[in-house]
């Protein structure tokens, strides 16, 4: 979540967020490739993008989970 909060300029006083994991960065890159700019995702492109980014078949479920977290994320105070 720190990666998503930082993207929106949210900083937590006195806390240093941990750096994003490589898997989180991969999911973020995929989100940027698959997002249509209106909050939707081109789900048909998930498999080719996952292959392009080197996501193994065994890690596809976790990869999809990370994409769903990014898709459903809302800034604190936003409903």
PDB file of N, CA and C in Angstrom:
ATOM      1  N   UNK A   1       0.806  -1.180   0.000  1.00  0.00           N
ATOM      2  CA  UNK A   1       0.000   0.000   0.000  1.00  0.00           C
ATOM      3  C   UNK A   1       0.860   1.258   0.000  1.00  0.00           C
ATOM      4  N   UNK A   2       2.056   1.179   0.547  1.00  0.00           N
ATOM      5  CA  UNK A   2       2.917   2.359   0.596  1.00  0.00           C
ATOM      6  C   UNK A   2       3.221   2.868  -0.806  1.00  0.00           C
ATOM      7  N   UNK A   3       3.383   1.956  -1.756  1.00  0.00           N
ATOM      8  CA  UNK A   3       3.625   2.360  -3.145  1.00  0.00           C
ATOM      9  C   UNK A   3       2.436   3.149  -3.680  1.00  0.00           C
ATOM     10  N   UNK A   4       1.228   2.690  -3.381  1.00  0.00           N
ATOM     11  CA  UNK A   4       0.034   3.373  -3.864  1.00  0.00           C
ATOM     12  C   UNK A   4      -0.164   4.704  -3.139  1.00  0.00           C
ATOM     13  N   UNK A   5       0.074   4.734  -1.831  1.00  0.00           N
ATOM     14  CA  UNK A   5      -0.050   5.978  -1.082  1.00  0.00           C
ATOM     15  C   UNK A   5       0.953   7.011  -1.583  1.00  0.00           C
ATOM     16  N   UNK A   6       2.177   6.594  -1.818  1.00  0.00           N
ATOM     17  CA  UNK A   6       3.208   7.520  -2.290  1.00  0.00           C
ATOM     18  C   UNK A   6       2.834   8.086  -3.651  1.00  0.00           C
ATOM     19  N   UNK A   7       2.197   7.289  -4.475  1.00  0.00           N
ATOM     20  CA  UNK A   7       1.773   7.753  -5.791  1.00  0.00           C
ATOM     21  C   UNK A   7       0.796   8.911  -5.666  1.00  0.00           C
ATOM     22  N   UNK A   8       0.008   8.934  -4.590  1.00  0.00           N
ATOM     23  CA  UNK A   8      -0.972   9.993  -4.369  1.00  0.00           C
ATOM     24  C   UNK A   8      -0.426  11.097  -3.471  1.00  0.00           C
ATOM     25  N   UNK A   9       0.872  11.056  -3.163  1.00  0.00           N
ATOM     26  CA  UNK A   9       1.486  12.111  -2.367  1.00  0.00           C
ATOM     27  C   UNK A   9       1.229  12.011  -0.880  1.00  0.00           C
ATOM     28  N   UNK A  10       0.776  10.862  -0.416  1.00  0.00           N
ATOM     29  CA  UNK A  10       0.488  10.688   1.004  1.00  0.00           C
ATOM     30  C   UNK A  10       1.762  10.267   1.719  1.00  0.00           C
ATOM     31  N   UNK A  11       2.114  11.009   2.759  1.00  0.00           N
ATOM     32  CA  UNK A  11       3.271  10.668   3.571  1.00  0.00           C
ATOM     33  C   UNK A  11       2.814  10.502   5.009  1.00  0.00           C
ATOM     34  N   UNK A  12       3.391   9.573   5.685  1.00  0.00           N
ATOM     35  CA  UNK A  12       3.059   9.318   7.075  1.00  0.00           C
ATOM     36  C   UNK A  12       4.190   9.842   7.940  1.00  0.00           C
ATOM     37  N   UNK A  13       3.871  10.784   8.797  1.00  0.00           N
ATOM     38  CA  UNK A  13       4.880  11.429   9.623  1.00  0.00           C
ATOM     39  C   UNK A  13       5.539  10.413  10.547  1.00  0.00           C
ATOM     40  N   UNK A  14       6.850  10.453  10.574  1.00  0.00           N
ATOM     41  CA  UNK A  14       7.607   9.596  11.467  1.00  0.00           C
ATOM     42  C   UNK A  14       7.759   8.173  10.991  1.00  0.00           C
ATOM     43  N   UNK A  15       7.202   7.851   9.856  1.00  0.00           N
ATOM     44  CA  UNK A  15       7.311   6.493   9.345  1.00  0.00           C
ATOM     45  C   UNK A  15       8.027   6.514   8.004  1.00  0.00           C
ATOM     46  N   UNK A  16       8.933   5.613   7.854  1.00  0.00           N
ATOM     47  CA  UNK A  16       9.589   5.447   6.560  1.00  0.00           C
ATOM     48  C   UNK A  16       8.994   4.201   5.926  1.00  0.00           C
ATOM     49  N   UNK A  17       8.240   4.376   4.847  1.00  0.00           N
ATOM     50  CA  UNK A  17       7.635   3.186   4.238  1.00  0.00           C
ATOM     51  C   UNK A  17       8.702   2.264   3.676  1.00  0.00           C
ATOM     52  N   UNK A  18       8.440   0.979   3.778  1.00  0.00           N
ATOM     53  CA  UNK A  18       9.392   0.026   3.226  1.00  0.00           C
ATOM     54  C   UNK A  18       9.352   0.110   1.711  1.00  0.00           C
ATOM     55  N   UNK A  19      10.472  -0.137   1.070  1.00  0.00           N
ATOM     56  CA  UNK A  19      10.479  -0.077  -0.396  1.00  0.00           C
ATOM     57  C   UNK A  19       9.595  -1.188  -0.967  1.00  0.00           C
ATOM     58  N   UNK A  20       8.980  -0.943  -2.115  1.00  0.00           N
ATOM     59  CA  UNK A  20       8.120  -1.973  -2.706  1.00  0.00           C
ATOM     60  C   UNK A  20       8.927  -3.194  -3.129  1.00  0.00           C
ATOM     61  N   UNK A  21       8.285  -4.341  -3.032  1.00  0.00           N
ATOM     62  CA  UNK A  21       8.950  -5.584  -3.434  1.00  0.00           C
ATOM     63  C   UNK A  21       9.026  -5.645  -4.962  1.00  0.00           C
ATOM     64  N   UNK A  22       9.918  -6.455  -5.491  1.00  0.00           N
ATOM     65  CA  UNK A  22       9.984  -6.611  -6.949  1.00  0.00           C
ATOM     66  C   UNK A  22       8.656  -7.087  -7.547  1.00  0.00           C
ATOM     67  N   UNK A  23       7.934  -7.955  -6.805  1.00  0.00           N
ATOM     68  CA  UNK A  23       6.636  -8.426  -7.292  1.00  0.00           C
ATOM     69  C   UNK A  23       5.624  -7.291  -7.360  1.00  0.00           C
ATOM     70  N   UNK A  24       5.663  -6.389  -6.380  1.00  0.00           N
ATOM     71  CA  UNK A  24       4.754  -5.242  -6.384  1.00  0.00           C
ATOM     72  C   UNK A  24       5.073  -4.309  -7.549  1.00  0.00           C
ATOM     73  N   UNK A  25       6.355  -4.099  -7.805  1.00  0.00           N
ATOM     74  CA  UNK A  25       6.744  -3.251  -8.929  1.00  0.00           C
ATOM     75  C   UNK A  25       6.331  -3.866 -10.267  1.00  0.00           C
ATOM     76  N   UNK A  26       6.436  -5.189 -10.367  1.00  0.00           N
ATOM     77  CA  UNK A  26       6.010  -5.878 -11.582  1.00  0.00           C
ATOM     78  C   UNK A  26       4.511  -5.699 -11.788  1.00  0.00           C
ATOM     79  N   UNK A  27       3.729  -5.845 -10.709  1.00  0.00           N
ATOM     80  CA  UNK A  27       2.279  -5.653 -10.802  1.00  0.00           C
ATOM     81  C   UNK A  27       1.953  -4.213 -11.182  1.00  0.00           C
ATOM     82  N   UNK A  28       2.717  -3.258 -10.654  1.00  0.00           N
ATOM     83  CA  UNK A  28       2.484  -1.856 -10.981  1.00  0.00           C
ATOM     84  C   UNK A  28       2.762  -1.595 -12.463  1.00  0.00           C
ATOM     85  N   UNK A  29       3.850  -2.174 -12.979  1.00  0.00           N
ATOM     86  CA  UNK A  29       4.156  -2.030 -14.404  1.00  0.00           C
ATOM     87  C   UNK A  29       3.046  -2.637 -15.256  1.00  0.00           C
ATOM     88  N   UNK A  30       2.550  -3.790 -14.829  1.00  0.00           N
ATOM     89  CA  UNK A  30       1.458  -4.437 -15.556  1.00  0.00           C
ATOM     90  C   UNK A  30       0.208  -3.569 -15.514  1.00  0.00           C
ATOM     91  N   UNK A  31      -0.076  -2.976 -14.356  1.00  0.00           N
ATOM     92  CA  UNK A  31      -1.237  -2.102 -14.238  1.00  0.00           C
ATOM     93  C   UNK A  31      -1.137  -0.939 -15.225  1.00  0.00           C
ATOM     94  N   UNK A  32       0.042  -0.360 -15.328  1.00  0.00           N
ATOM     95  CA  UNK A  32       0.226   0.755 -16.251  1.00  0.00           C
ATOM     96  C   UNK A  32       0.015   0.315 -17.703  1.00  0.00           C
ATOM     97  N   UNK A  33       0.368  -0.929 -18.005  1.00  0.00           N
ATOM     98  CA  UNK A  33       0.171  -1.441 -19.369  1.00  0.00           C
ATOM     99  C   UNK A  33      -1.288  -1.806 -19.643  1.00  0.00           C
ATOM    100  N   UNK A  34      -1.990  -2.296 -18.631  1.00  0.00           N
ATOM    101  CA  UNK A  34      -3.335  -2.844 -18.824  1.00  0.00           C
ATOM    102  C   UNK A  34      -4.462  -1.866 -18.533  1.00  0.00           C
ATOM    103  N   UNK A  35      -4.179  -0.807 -17.797  1.00  0.00           N
ATOM    104  CA  UNK A  35      -5.211   0.143 -17.414  1.00  0.00           C
ATOM    105  C   UNK A  35      -5.649   0.968 -18.615  1.00  0.00           C
ATOM    106  N   UNK A  36      -6.958   1.223 -18.693  1.00  0.00           N
ATOM    107  CA  UNK A  36      -7.457   2.021 -19.815  1.00  0.00           C
ATOM    108  C   UNK A  36      -7.621   3.496 -19.440  1.00  0.00           C
ATOM    109  N   UNK A  37      -7.246   3.876 -18.223  1.00  0.00           N
ATOM    110  CA  UNK A  37      -7.327   5.268 -17.809  1.00  0.00           C
ATOM    111  C   UNK A  37      -8.652   5.657 -17.179  1.00  0.00           C
ATOM    112  N   UNK A  38      -9.635   4.766 -17.202  1.00  0.00           N
ATOM    113  CA  UNK A  38     -10.932   5.048 -16.600  1.00  0.00           C
ATOM    114  C   UNK A  38     -11.243   4.080 -15.465  1.00  0.00           C
ATOM    115  N   UNK A  39     -10.215   3.451 -14.915  1.00  0.00           N
ATOM    116  CA  UNK A  39     -10.399   2.527 -13.803  1.00  0.00           C
ATOM    117  C   UNK A  39     -10.618   1.088 -14.217  1.00  0.00           C
ATOM    118  N   UNK A  40     -10.716   0.818 -15.494  1.00  0.00           N
ATOM    119  CA  UNK A  40     -10.915  -0.544 -15.968  1.00  0.00           C
ATOM    120  C   UNK A  40      -9.583  -1.144 -16.416  1.00  0.00           C
ATOM    121  N   UNK A  41      -9.577  -2.451 -16.503  1.00  0.00           N
ATOM    122  CA  UNK A  41      -8.385  -3.186 -16.899  1.00  0.00           C
ATOM    123  C   UNK A  41      -8.725  -4.034 -18.121  1.00  0.00           C
ATOM    124  N   UNK A  42      -7.815  -4.108 -19.055  1.00  0.00           N
ATOM    125  CA  UNK A  42      -7.972  -4.985 -20.204  1.00  0.00           C
ATOM    126  C   UNK A  42      -7.516  -6.381 -19.769  1.00  0.00           C
ATOM    127  N   UNK A  43      -8.462  -7.132 -19.195  1.00  0.00           N
ATOM    128  CA  UNK A  43      -8.119  -8.440 -18.623  1.00  0.00           C
ATOM    129  C   UNK A  43      -7.650  -9.424 -19.693  1.00  0.00           C
ATOM    130  N   UNK A  44      -8.041  -9.227 -20.937  1.00  0.00           N
ATOM    131  CA  UNK A  44      -7.599 -10.127 -22.003  1.00  0.00           C
ATOM    132  C   UNK A  44      -6.092 -10.033 -22.220  1.00  0.00           C
ATOM    133  N   UNK A  45      -5.496  -8.935 -21.808  1.00  0.00           N
ATOM    134  CA  UNK A  45      -4.066  -8.757 -22.000  1.00  0.00           C
ATOM    135  C   UNK A  45      -3.210  -9.219 -20.839  1.00  0.00           C
ATOM    136  N   UNK A  46      -3.828  -9.766 -19.792  1.00  0.00           N
ATOM    137  CA  UNK A  46      -3.066 -10.144 -18.591  1.00  0.00           C
ATOM    138  C   UNK A  46      -2.010 -11.198 -18.902  1.00  0.00           C
ATOM    139  N   UNK A  47      -2.398 -12.246 -19.594  1.00  0.00           N
ATOM    140  CA  UNK A  47      -1.428 -13.324 -19.866  1.00  0.00           C
ATOM    141  C   UNK A  47      -0.245 -12.848 -20.710  1.00  0.00           C
ATOM    142  N   UNK A  48      -0.459 -12.123 -21.807  1.00  0.00           N
ATOM    143  CA  UNK A  48       0.704 -11.648 -22.570  1.00  0.00           C
ATOM    144  C   UNK A  48       1.590 -10.684 -21.761  1.00  0.00           C
ATOM    145  N   UNK A  49       0.972  -9.810 -20.971  1.00  0.00           N
ATOM    146  CA  UNK A  49       1.764  -8.870 -20.163  1.00  0.00           C
ATOM    147  C   UNK A  49       2.536  -9.633 -19.090  1.00  0.00           C
ATOM    148  N   UNK A  50       1.894 -10.622 -18.461  1.00  0.00           N
ATOM    149  CA  UNK A  50       2.582 -11.431 -17.450  1.00  0.00           C
ATOM    150  C   UNK A  50       3.788 -12.142 -18.074  1.00  0.00           C
ATOM    151  N   UNK A  51       3.607 -12.675 -19.277  1.00  0.00           N
ATOM    152  CA  UNK A  51       4.721 -13.344 -19.961  1.00  0.00           C
ATOM    153  C   UNK A  51       5.821 -12.341 -20.294  1.00  0.00           C
ATOM    154  N   UNK A  52       5.435 -11.160 -20.751  1.00  0.00           N
ATOM    155  CA  UNK A  52       6.407 -10.123 -21.100  1.00  0.00           C
ATOM    156  C   UNK A  52       7.233  -9.705 -19.882  1.00  0.00           C
ATOM    157  N   UNK A  53       6.569  -9.632 -18.719  1.00  0.00           N
ATOM    158  CA  UNK A  53       7.259  -9.206 -17.499  1.00  0.00           C
ATOM    159  C   UNK A  53       7.934 -10.356 -16.757  1.00  0.00           C
ATOM    160  N   UNK A  54       7.820 -11.565 -17.280  1.00  0.00           N
ATOM    161  CA  UNK A  54       8.514 -12.711 -16.695  1.00  0.00           C
ATOM    162  C   UNK A  54       7.838 -13.321 -15.486  1.00  0.00           C
ATOM    163  N   UNK A  55       6.521 -13.164 -15.382  1.00  0.00           N
ATOM    164  CA  UNK A  55       5.783 -13.772 -14.265  1.00  0.00           C
ATOM    165  C   UNK A  55       5.622 -15.250 -14.569  1.00  0.00           C
ATOM    166  N   UNK A  56       6.111 -16.138 -13.675  1.00  0.00           N
ATOM    167  CA  UNK A  56       5.974 -17.571 -13.934  1.00  0.00           C
ATOM    168  C   UNK A  56       4.511 -18.005 -13.777  1.00  0.00           C
ATOM    169  N   UNK A  57       4.142 -19.098 -14.426  1.00  0.00           N
ATOM    170  CA  UNK A  57       2.770 -19.605 -14.335  1.00  0.00           C
ATOM    171  C   UNK A  57       2.367 -19.869 -12.887  1.00  0.00           C
ATOM    172  N   UNK A  58       3.309 -20.337 -12.085  1.00  0.00           N
ATOM    173  CA  UNK A  58       3.014 -20.624 -10.682  1.00  0.00           C
ATOM    174  C   UNK A  58       2.702 -19.351  -9.898  1.00  0.00           C
ATOM    175  N   UNK A  59       3.176 -18.208 -10.358  1.00  0.00           N
ATOM    176  CA  UNK A  59       2.947 -16.960  -9.645  1.00  0.00           C
ATOM    177  C   UNK A  59       1.826 -16.116 -10.216  1.00  0.00           C
ATOM    178  N   UNK A  60       1.080 -16.659 -11.178  1.00  0.00           N
ATOM    179  CA  UNK A  60       0.032 -15.890 -11.848  1.00  0.00           C
ATOM    180  C   UNK A  60      -1.109 -15.517 -10.901  1.00  0.00           C
ATOM    181  N   UNK A  61      -1.474 -16.412 -10.000  1.00  0.00           N
ATOM    182  CA  UNK A  61      -2.566 -16.114  -9.067  1.00  0.00           C
ATOM    183  C   UNK A  61      -2.202 -14.943  -8.157  1.00  0.00           C
ATOM    184  N   UNK A  62      -0.999 -14.937  -7.618  1.00  0.00           N
ATOM    185  CA  UNK A  62      -0.551 -13.833  -6.772  1.00  0.00           C
ATOM    186  C   UNK A  62      -0.446 -12.543  -7.587  1.00  0.00           C
ATOM    187  N   UNK A  63       0.005 -12.655  -8.819  1.00  0.00           N
ATOM    188  CA  UNK A  63       0.100 -11.513  -9.722  1.00  0.00           C
ATOM    189  C   UNK A  63      -1.287 -10.886  -9.928  1.00  0.00           C
ATOM    190  N   UNK A  64      -2.299 -11.723 -10.187  1.00  0.00           N
ATOM    191  CA  UNK A  64      -3.671 -11.236 -10.349  1.00  0.00           C
ATOM    192  C   UNK A  64      -4.186 -10.604  -9.063  1.00  0.00           C
ATOM    193  N   UNK A  65      -3.844 -11.197  -7.934  1.00  0.00           N
ATOM    194  CA  UNK A  65      -4.246 -10.638  -6.641  1.00  0.00           C
ATOM    195  C   UNK A  65      -3.663  -9.239  -6.464  1.00  0.00           C
ATOM    196  N   UNK A  66      -2.410  -9.060  -6.810  1.00  0.00           N
ATOM    197  CA  UNK A  66      -1.781  -7.735  -6.700  1.00  0.00           C
ATOM    198  C   UNK A  66      -2.454  -6.728  -7.642  1.00  0.00           C
ATOM    199  N   UNK A  67      -2.821  -7.163  -8.839  1.00  0.00           N
ATOM    200  CA  UNK A  67      -3.525  -6.265  -9.758  1.00  0.00           C
ATOM    201  C   UNK A  67      -4.880  -5.852  -9.190  1.00  0.00           C
ATOM    202  N   UNK A  68      -5.576  -6.782  -8.552  1.00  0.00           N
ATOM    203  CA  UNK A  68      -6.867  -6.444  -7.946  1.00  0.00           C
ATOM    204  C   UNK A  68      -6.702  -5.473  -6.780  1.00  0.00           C
ATOM    205  N   UNK A  69      -5.637  -5.616  -6.016  1.00  0.00           N
ATOM    206  CA  UNK A  69      -5.374  -4.668  -4.924  1.00  0.00           C
ATOM    207  C   UNK A  69      -5.160  -3.276  -5.500  1.00  0.00           C
ATOM    208  N   UNK A  70      -4.385  -3.177  -6.565  1.00  0.00           N
ATOM    209  CA  UNK A  70      -4.149  -1.873  -7.192  1.00  0.00           C
ATOM    210  C   UNK A  70      -5.463  -1.306  -7.743  1.00  0.00           C
ATOM    211  N   UNK A  71      -6.261  -2.156  -8.384  1.00  0.00           N
ATOM    212  CA  UNK A  71      -7.511  -1.698  -8.987  1.00  0.00           C
ATOM    213  C   UNK A  71      -8.495  -1.192  -7.938  1.00  0.00           C
ATOM    214  N   UNK A  72      -8.595  -1.862  -6.805  1.00  0.00           N
ATOM    215  CA  UNK A  72      -9.604  -1.503  -5.807  1.00  0.00           C
ATOM    216  C   UNK A  72      -9.101  -0.524  -4.753  1.00  0.00           C
ATOM    217  N   UNK A  73      -7.840  -0.111  -4.830  1.00  0.00           N
ATOM    218  CA  UNK A  73      -7.275   0.786  -3.839  1.00  0.00           C
ATOM    219  C   UNK A  73      -7.958   2.157  -3.894  1.00  0.00           C
ATOM    220  N   UNK A  74      -8.211   2.708  -2.727  1.00  0.00           N
ATOM    221  CA  UNK A  74      -8.737   4.070  -2.586  1.00  0.00           C
ATOM    222  C   UNK A  74      -7.873   4.806  -1.595  1.00  0.00           C
ATOM    223  N   UNK A  75      -7.625   6.088  -1.865  1.00  0.00           N
ATOM    224  CA  UNK A  75      -6.858   6.904  -0.931  1.00  0.00           C
ATOM    225  C   UNK A  75      -7.588   6.945   0.403  1.00  0.00           C
ATOM    226  N   UNK A  76      -6.851   7.092   1.517  1.00  0.00           N
ATOM    227  CA  UNK A  76      -7.512   7.226   2.814  1.00  0.00           C
ATOM    228  C   UNK A  76      -8.492   8.404   2.797  1.00  0.00           C
ATOM    229  N   UNK A  77      -9.696   8.152   3.273  1.00  0.00           N
ATOM    230  CA  UNK A  77     -10.715   9.179   3.300  1.00  0.00           C
ATOM    231  C   UNK A  77     -11.567   9.233   2.053  1.00  0.00           C
ATOM    232  N   UNK A  78     -11.196   8.486   1.030  1.00  0.00           N
ATOM    233  CA  UNK A  78     -11.959   8.427  -0.214  1.00  0.00           C
ATOM    234  C   UNK A  78     -12.877   7.216  -0.175  1.00  0.00           C
ATOM    235  N   UNK A  79     -14.094   7.367  -0.614  1.00  0.00           N
ATOM    236  CA  UNK A  79     -15.010   6.221  -0.608  1.00  0.00           C
ATOM    237  C   UNK A  79     -15.410   5.813  -1.989  1.00  0.00           C
TER     238      UNK A  79
END
